[in-house]
Amino acid sequence: MFENIIKNITRFISITPEEEKIFTDLLSCQTFPKKTVLLREGEICQFEGYIQKGCLRMYCLDDNGTEVTLLFAIEDWWISDIASFQEQKPSKVYIETLEDSEIYMLNPATKEKLLKEVPKFERVFRMLVQRNLSTLQSRLVNTISKTASDRYLEFIKVYPSIPQRVAQYYIASYLGVSKEFVSTIRKRLASKEK
């Protein structure tokens, strides 16, 4: 049942069977149907979640009330509003399931207990934050320095399964382009593959 999350964790640290039991006993396994909003703007994020199954997105609303997708998260990825979770302050984002999803969750109390009982987990969460920051920096650089076509190509390289799993308008909102542009570039790429 916990095989995937243990593999994810042991990329960063080695753990004993006792430490593994402490960790898995603190996890809450929850299932959510497609289109479930797990976090809304203004709420305080109460989870750090490992995605066992499913696809989620994090988004915010711009000044016009338009949804802007900030990231996608799929199996073997973690998702949370890190700032809201850590500082227990209101979130500026939404987190929503795009598919039926199964997520292993830690809340602030269970995470604190884990870090107290197995301090080496600090490294795991530090590495996850560093990876998240690296991903966001790359996205920012791409947004500033690449054309929309190049951003789409980079997107499908980073997220190869996402275009088959989510609606084009979510990808368009992630890239900052129209859904018509995504449709056009997909057709252009498909014709080159023939």
Protein backbone atom coordinates (compact mmCIF):
# COMPACT_ATOMS: atom_id res chain seq x y z
CA MET A 1 0.00 0.00 0.00
CA PHE A 2 2.79 2.47 0.86
CA GLU A 3 5.37 1.13 -1.60
CA ASN A 4 5.38 4.18 -3.91
CA ILE A 5 5.64 6.82 -1.20
CA ILE A 6 8.41 4.87 0.54
CA LYS A 7 10.34 4.72 -2.77
CA ASN A 8 9.81 8.47 -3.10
CA ILE A 9 11.14 9.13 0.41
CA THR A 10 14.11 6.75 0.14
CA ARG A 11 15.46 8.68 -2.84
CA PHE A 12 16.53 11.21 -0.21
CA ILE A 13 17.13 9.21 2.97
CA SER A 14 17.37 5.62 4.14
CA ILE A 15 14.90 4.57 6.82
CA THR A 16 14.62 1.62 9.16
CA PRO A 17 11.46 -0.50 9.34
CA GLU A 18 10.62 1.25 12.63
CA GLU A 19 11.00 4.70 11.04
CA GLU A 20 8.90 3.58 8.08
CA LYS A 21 6.13 2.49 10.47
CA ILE A 22 6.22 5.82 12.31
CA PHE A 23 5.90 7.60 8.95
CA THR A 24 3.11 5.46 7.49
CA ASP A 25 1.14 5.51 10.76
CA LEU A 26 1.06 9.32 10.55
CA LEU A 27 -0.20 9.41 6.94
CA SER A 28 -3.86 9.89 6.20
CA CYS A 29 -4.92 8.19 2.94
CA GLN A 30 -7.79 10.07 1.31
CA THR A 31 -9.63 9.67 -1.98
CA PHE A 32 -11.23 12.56 -3.84
CA PRO A 33 -13.45 12.58 -6.90
CA LYS A 34 -12.53 14.60 -9.98
CA LYS A 35 -13.17 18.37 -9.65
CA THR A 36 -12.79 18.42 -5.85
CA VAL A 37 -11.31 21.68 -4.58
CA LEU A 38 -8.94 20.75 -1.75
CA LEU A 39 -7.87 24.31 -0.99
CA ARG A 40 -9.48 27.67 -1.75
CA GLU A 41 -8.01 31.14 -1.72
CA GLY A 42 -8.32 32.57 1.80
CA GLU A 43 -8.23 29.17 3.52
CA ILE A 44 -5.21 27.95 5.46
CA CYS A 45 -3.59 24.93 3.84
CA GLN A 46 -3.74 21.99 6.24
CA PHE A 47 -1.96 19.37 4.15
CA GLU A 48 1.17 18.31 2.37
CA GLY A 49 0.05 15.56 0.03
CA TYR A 50 1.76 12.79 -1.90
CA ILE A 51 -0.21 11.82 -5.00
CA GLN A 52 -0.60 8.06 -5.14
CA LYS A 53 -3.09 8.28 -8.00
CA GLY A 54 -4.56 11.14 -10.01
CA CYS A 55 -3.84 14.54 -11.43
CA LEU A 56 -4.22 17.89 -9.65
CA ARG A 57 -3.60 21.50 -10.47
CA MET A 58 -2.82 24.60 -8.47
CA TYR A 59 -4.25 27.85 -9.77
CA CYS A 60 -5.01 31.42 -8.81
CA LEU A 61 -7.44 34.03 -10.07
CA ASP A 62 -6.17 37.13 -11.84
CA ASP A 63 -7.70 40.60 -11.43
CA ASN A 64 -10.38 39.72 -13.99
CA GLY A 65 -11.35 36.52 -12.19
CA THR A 66 -9.69 34.33 -14.83
CA GLU A 67 -8.08 31.10 -13.62
CA VAL A 68 -4.32 30.94 -14.13
CA THR A 69 -2.86 27.46 -13.73
CA LEU A 70 0.39 27.60 -11.75
CA LEU A 71 1.29 23.92 -11.77
CA PHE A 72 0.13 20.39 -12.42
CA ALA A 73 0.90 17.47 -10.12
CA ILE A 74 0.58 13.79 -10.97
CA GLU A 75 1.46 10.41 -9.46
CA ASP A 76 4.65 10.36 -7.35
CA TRP A 77 4.59 14.15 -6.88
CA TRP A 78 3.83 16.16 -3.74
CA ILE A 79 1.40 19.07 -3.59
CA SER A 80 0.69 21.78 -1.04
CA ASP A 81 0.61 25.54 -0.67
CA ILE A 82 3.96 25.57 1.10
CA ALA A 83 3.74 29.15 2.37
CA SER A 84 0.22 28.74 3.74
CA PHE A 85 1.03 25.34 5.29
CA GLN A 86 4.31 26.43 6.91
CA GLU A 87 3.19 29.82 8.14
CA GLN A 88 -0.47 28.91 8.72
CA LYS A 89 -1.57 31.99 6.82
CA PRO A 90 -4.39 32.32 4.25
CA SER A 91 -3.66 30.84 0.87
CA LYS A 92 -3.61 32.83 -2.35
CA VAL A 93 -4.23 29.72 -4.49
CA TYR A 94 -6.66 26.91 -5.17
CA ILE A 95 -5.78 23.22 -5.40
CA GLU A 96 -8.19 21.04 -7.37
CA THR A 97 -8.31 17.41 -8.51
CA LEU A 98 -8.57 17.00 -12.30
CA GLU A 99 -9.04 13.23 -11.99
CA ASP A 100 -10.26 10.91 -9.27
CA SER A 101 -7.31 11.01 -6.88
CA GLU A 102 -5.79 9.13 -3.97
CA ILE A 103 -3.51 11.21 -1.78
CA TYR A 104 -1.42 10.44 1.31
CA MET A 105 -1.55 13.49 3.55
CA LEU A 106 0.27 14.96 6.47
CA ASN A 107 -1.27 17.83 8.43
CA PRO A 108 0.79 20.34 10.46
CA ALA A 109 0.52 18.26 13.66
CA THR A 110 1.43 14.92 12.04
CA LYS A 111 4.30 16.49 10.11
CA GLU A 112 5.65 18.07 13.29
CA LYS A 113 5.37 14.75 15.10
CA LEU A 114 7.20 12.99 12.23
CA LEU A 115 10.03 15.53 12.28
CA LYS A 116 10.33 15.22 16.06
CA GLU A 117 10.36 11.42 16.05
CA VAL A 118 12.44 10.93 12.87
CA PRO A 119 14.50 14.12 12.39
CA LYS A 120 16.09 12.88 9.17
CA PHE A 121 12.75 13.57 7.42
CA GLU A 122 13.79 17.24 7.55
CA ARG A 123 16.08 16.39 4.62
CA VAL A 124 13.19 14.94 2.61
CA PHE A 125 11.08 18.06 2.95
CA ARG A 126 14.08 20.35 2.34
CA MET A 127 14.83 18.49 -0.89
CA LEU A 128 11.17 18.69 -1.97
CA VAL A 129 11.15 22.46 -1.38
CA GLN A 130 14.41 22.84 -3.32
CA ARG A 131 13.00 20.85 -6.26
CA ASN A 132 9.86 22.96 -6.17
CA LEU A 133 11.88 26.17 -6.20
CA SER A 134 14.02 24.91 -9.09
CA THR A 135 10.90 24.05 -11.10
CA LEU A 136 9.37 27.47 -10.44
CA GLN A 137 12.60 29.26 -11.43
CA SER A 138 12.77 27.30 -14.69
CA ARG A 139 9.16 28.14 -15.40
CA LEU A 140 9.78 31.84 -14.74
CA VAL A 141 12.82 31.90 -17.02
CA ASN A 142 10.89 30.09 -19.76
CA THR A 143 7.97 32.51 -19.46
CA ILE A 144 10.26 35.51 -19.80
CA SER A 145 12.71 34.26 -22.39
CA LYS A 146 10.94 31.75 -24.65
CA THR A 147 8.31 32.01 -27.32
CA ALA A 148 4.89 30.51 -26.71
CA SER A 149 5.74 27.63 -29.07
CA ASP A 150 8.96 26.89 -27.21
CA ARG A 151 7.11 27.06 -23.87
CA TYR A 152 4.65 24.46 -25.15
CA LEU A 153 7.49 22.19 -26.29
CA GLU A 154 9.17 22.56 -22.89
CA PHE A 155 5.83 21.83 -21.20
CA ILE A 156 5.31 18.54 -23.05
CA LYS A 157 8.89 17.57 -22.26
CA VAL A 158 8.39 18.17 -18.53
CA TYR A 159 4.79 16.89 -18.41
CA PRO A 160 4.58 14.28 -21.22
CA SER A 161 1.37 12.66 -19.94
CA ILE A 162 -0.54 15.84 -19.06
CA PRO A 163 -1.82 16.74 -22.57
CA GLN A 164 -3.72 13.42 -22.69
CA ARG A 165 -5.09 13.88 -19.18
CA VAL A 166 -6.33 17.46 -18.94
CA ALA A 167 -8.38 19.89 -20.99
CA GLN A 168 -6.52 22.16 -23.41
CA TYR A 169 -7.75 25.29 -21.65
CA TYR A 170 -5.86 24.26 -18.48
CA ILE A 171 -2.66 23.92 -20.49
CA ALA A 172 -3.37 27.25 -22.19
CA SER A 173 -3.85 28.94 -18.79
CA TYR A 174 -0.56 27.41 -17.60
CA LEU A 175 1.31 28.69 -20.67
CA GLY A 176 -0.41 32.09 -20.73
CA VAL A 177 -1.83 31.55 -24.23
CA SER A 178 -5.25 30.96 -25.75
CA LYS A 179 -6.71 27.46 -26.04
CA GLU A 180 -6.85 28.08 -29.81
CA PHE A 181 -3.06 28.54 -29.80
CA VAL A 182 -2.63 25.22 -27.99
CA SER A 183 -4.90 23.53 -30.52
CA THR A 184 -2.96 25.04 -33.44
CA ILE A 185 0.45 24.05 -32.10
CA ARG A 186 -0.75 20.52 -31.31
CA LYS A 187 -1.98 20.15 -34.90
CA ARG A 188 1.29 21.53 -36.25
CA LEU A 189 3.33 19.09 -34.14
CA ALA A 190 1.06 16.16 -35.11
CA SER A 191 1.52 16.93 -38.82
CA LYS A 192 5.32 16.99 -38.38
CA GLU A 193 5.21 13.52 -36.80
CA LYS A 194 3.46 12.01 -39.84
